Amino acid sequence: MNKKELIENIQNLESESESSNYRLGFEKAKYWCLTLASNLEESEAEKVEVSECVAEWFEENKGDINQAMYNITIDIHGNRHTTEFEKWFSDSRNDTYGTIVRMKDGYTIKPKRWVVKKGKQNFYFCYFKGESLMPIWVHDDAILFDNDRKNFTDKAKAEAVATLVNGSVKEID
């Protein structure tokens, strides 16, 4: 029961006695209960932030989420992961089951992000070094890859950097 439901239930309570003294006491108690309930802070679970592909899968499967999680686990075991959701689900760095369960309490969709990639190689832009503005790159096999590469939330800025370093822009999850 949430705060709103509690207040509505208290408001709908009615005295079951004909005694005026009883009803007076009942109304005083009801008033104090409403006052206390109004002062309660709504405790909301922190919403988990997920990519658009995870949100889409969740919305398609939330009717029977337990069966859907079982099915996806069986479907991708030992198979090539072709969809963005399957890649996310099979990535051991993600708390996939925990995230999906917490999504029942609400979620937000991560803002789109972009990176600047160098040619066909797996090098990604990190930052410009010194006054010469020499670009520093990181390979995606690097241990701290996700922390090292520059993630842009503004596509126009990513495109501007890509132009400066002769790279390309790639959207990421």
Protein backbone atom coordinates (compact mmCIF):
# COMPACT_ATOMS: atom_id res chain seq x y z
CA MET A 1 0.00 0.00 0.00
CA ASN A 2 1.39 3.40 -0.89
CA LYS A 3 0.85 6.77 0.80
CA LYS A 4 -2.04 7.78 -1.45
CA GLU A 5 -3.89 4.51 -0.86
CA LEU A 6 -3.37 4.83 2.91
CA ILE A 7 -4.84 8.34 2.96
CA GLU A 8 -7.83 7.24 0.85
CA ASN A 9 -8.49 4.28 3.17
CA ILE A 10 -8.38 6.51 6.26
CA GLN A 11 -10.71 9.05 4.61
CA ASN A 12 -13.21 6.30 3.80
CA LEU A 13 -13.39 5.02 7.38
CA GLU A 14 -16.75 5.56 9.04
CA SER A 15 -17.78 5.41 12.67
CA GLU A 16 -19.80 2.34 13.55
CA SER A 17 -21.35 3.79 16.70
CA GLU A 18 -24.31 6.08 17.29
CA SER A 19 -22.70 7.51 20.42
CA SER A 20 -21.73 11.16 19.92
CA ASN A 21 -18.75 10.82 22.26
CA TYR A 22 -17.51 7.76 20.34
CA ARG A 23 -17.93 9.56 16.99
CA LEU A 24 -16.12 12.64 18.33
CA GLY A 25 -13.19 10.45 19.44
CA PHE A 26 -13.31 8.56 16.14
CA GLU A 27 -13.15 11.79 14.11
CA LYS A 28 -10.23 13.09 16.23
CA ALA A 29 -8.34 9.83 15.73
CA LYS A 30 -9.12 9.90 12.00
CA TYR A 31 -7.81 13.49 11.81
CA TRP A 32 -4.55 12.57 13.55
CA CYS A 33 -4.12 9.48 11.35
CA LEU A 34 -4.58 11.61 8.22
CA THR A 35 -2.08 14.15 9.56
CA LEU A 36 0.51 11.46 10.20
CA ALA A 37 -0.14 9.76 6.85
CA SER A 38 0.24 13.09 5.02
CA ASN A 39 3.65 13.57 6.62
CA LEU A 40 4.92 10.18 5.50
CA GLU A 41 7.65 10.26 2.90
CA GLU A 42 6.91 8.12 -0.11
CA SER A 43 9.60 5.48 -0.28
CA GLU A 44 10.22 4.68 -3.89
CA ALA A 45 12.66 2.14 -5.13
CA GLU A 46 15.43 3.74 -7.12
CA LYS A 47 14.67 3.36 -10.79
CA VAL A 48 17.18 1.35 -12.73
CA GLU A 49 18.64 2.89 -15.88
CA VAL A 50 18.59 0.63 -18.95
CA SER A 51 19.25 0.86 -22.66
CA GLU A 52 16.39 1.14 -25.12
CA CYS A 53 16.74 -2.49 -26.26
CA VAL A 54 16.37 -3.75 -22.66
CA ALA A 55 13.31 -1.54 -22.11
CA GLU A 56 11.72 -2.83 -25.33
CA TRP A 57 12.32 -6.47 -24.34
CA PHE A 58 10.92 -5.82 -20.85
CA GLU A 59 7.75 -4.18 -22.20
CA GLU A 60 7.17 -7.08 -24.60
CA ASN A 61 7.65 -9.67 -21.86
CA LYS A 62 6.54 -8.11 -18.57
CA GLY A 63 3.29 -10.10 -18.55
CA ASP A 64 5.21 -13.26 -17.61
CA ILE A 65 8.69 -12.00 -16.86
CA ASN A 66 9.86 -15.16 -15.08
CA GLN A 67 9.06 -17.34 -18.08
CA ALA A 68 10.60 -14.77 -20.43
CA MET A 69 13.87 -14.73 -18.45
CA TYR A 70 13.94 -18.53 -18.47
CA ASN A 71 13.30 -18.60 -22.24
CA ILE A 72 16.00 -16.07 -23.09
CA THR A 73 18.49 -17.92 -20.87
CA ILE A 74 17.80 -21.18 -22.72
CA ASP A 75 17.67 -19.53 -26.16
CA ILE A 76 21.05 -17.81 -25.97
CA HIS A 77 22.98 -20.53 -24.15
CA GLY A 78 25.70 -21.62 -26.55
CA ASN A 79 24.24 -19.68 -29.47
CA ARG A 80 25.57 -16.66 -31.27
CA HIS A 81 24.13 -13.45 -29.84
CA THR A 82 22.61 -11.50 -32.68
CA THR A 83 20.39 -8.84 -31.13
CA GLU A 84 21.54 -5.96 -28.93
CA PHE A 85 19.42 -7.36 -26.10
CA GLU A 86 21.02 -10.82 -26.39
CA LYS A 87 24.49 -9.22 -26.30
CA TRP A 88 23.51 -7.24 -23.19
CA PHE A 89 21.90 -10.25 -21.53
CA SER A 90 24.91 -12.52 -22.08
CA ASP A 91 27.51 -9.95 -20.98
CA SER A 92 28.80 -11.13 -17.59
CA ARG A 93 29.50 -7.52 -16.54
CA ASN A 94 25.75 -6.80 -16.46
CA ASP A 95 23.56 -7.84 -13.55
CA THR A 96 20.94 -8.99 -16.04
CA TYR A 97 18.56 -10.86 -13.74
CA GLY A 98 18.79 -8.26 -10.99
CA THR A 99 18.24 -5.42 -13.45
CA ILE A 100 15.16 -7.04 -15.00
CA VAL A 101 13.65 -7.78 -11.58
CA ARG A 102 14.25 -4.17 -10.43
CA MET A 103 12.60 -2.89 -13.62
CA LYS A 104 9.26 -3.97 -12.14
CA ASP A 105 9.61 -1.01 -9.74
CA GLY A 106 10.23 1.37 -12.62
CA TYR A 107 13.07 2.24 -14.95
CA THR A 108 14.46 5.02 -17.07
CA ILE A 109 16.05 4.73 -20.49
CA LYS A 110 19.71 5.71 -20.72
CA PRO A 111 20.32 8.71 -22.92
CA LYS A 112 21.89 7.86 -26.24
CA ARG A 113 25.67 7.99 -26.31
CA TRP A 114 28.24 8.08 -29.07
CA VAL A 115 31.95 7.35 -29.36
CA VAL A 116 34.53 8.31 -31.97
CA LYS A 117 36.10 5.31 -33.68
CA LYS A 118 39.33 5.22 -35.66
CA GLY A 119 38.98 3.58 -39.07
CA LYS A 120 38.07 -0.11 -39.17
CA GLN A 121 40.25 -0.81 -36.16
CA ASN A 122 38.84 -1.11 -32.67
CA PHE A 123 40.41 2.11 -31.37
CA TYR A 124 38.27 4.73 -29.69
CA PHE A 125 38.97 8.37 -28.90
CA CYS A 126 39.79 9.22 -25.25
CA TYR A 127 40.95 12.84 -25.14
CA PHE A 128 43.29 15.41 -26.65
CA LYS A 129 46.74 15.61 -25.08
CA GLY A 130 48.59 18.87 -24.48
CA GLU A 131 48.65 22.00 -26.59
CA SER A 132 49.29 20.02 -29.76
CA LEU A 133 45.81 18.49 -29.39
CA MET A 134 47.20 15.05 -30.18
CA PRO A 135 44.34 12.53 -29.96
CA ILE A 136 44.76 9.69 -27.47
CA TRP A 137 43.11 6.41 -28.43
CA VAL A 138 42.25 3.24 -26.52
CA HIS A 139 41.74 -0.24 -27.96
CA ASP A 140 38.50 -1.99 -26.99
CA ASP A 141 40.49 -4.89 -25.55
CA ALA A 142 42.02 -2.57 -22.93
CA ILE A 143 41.15 -3.51 -19.36
CA LEU A 144 39.50 -0.19 -18.51
CA PHE A 145 37.93 0.35 -21.93
CA ASP A 146 34.53 1.56 -20.74
CA ASN A 147 36.13 4.04 -18.37
CA ASP A 148 38.82 5.24 -20.75
CA ARG A 149 36.97 6.08 -23.93
CA LYS A 150 35.12 9.37 -24.27
CA ASN A 151 31.36 8.85 -24.37
CA PHE A 152 29.48 11.75 -25.92
CA THR A 153 25.86 12.52 -25.07
CA ASP A 154 25.71 15.13 -27.83
CA LYS A 155 26.03 13.61 -31.30
CA ALA A 156 27.06 16.94 -32.85
CA LYS A 157 30.08 17.16 -30.50
CA ALA A 158 31.05 13.59 -31.33
CA GLU A 159 30.84 14.42 -35.04
CA ALA A 160 32.99 17.53 -34.55
CA VAL A 161 35.70 15.50 -32.80
CA ALA A 162 35.44 12.80 -35.48
CA THR A 163 36.07 15.45 -38.12
CA LEU A 164 39.15 16.73 -36.25
CA VAL A 165 40.71 13.27 -35.82
CA ASN A 166 39.56 11.75 -39.11
CA GLY A 167 37.36 9.20 -37.33
CA SER A 168 33.76 8.09 -37.44
CA VAL A 169 30.90 8.26 -34.94
CA LYS A 170 29.33 5.13 -33.52
CA GLU A 171 26.26 4.93 -31.28
CA ILE A 172 26.70 2.76 -28.17
CA ASP A 173 24.47 1.31 -25.47
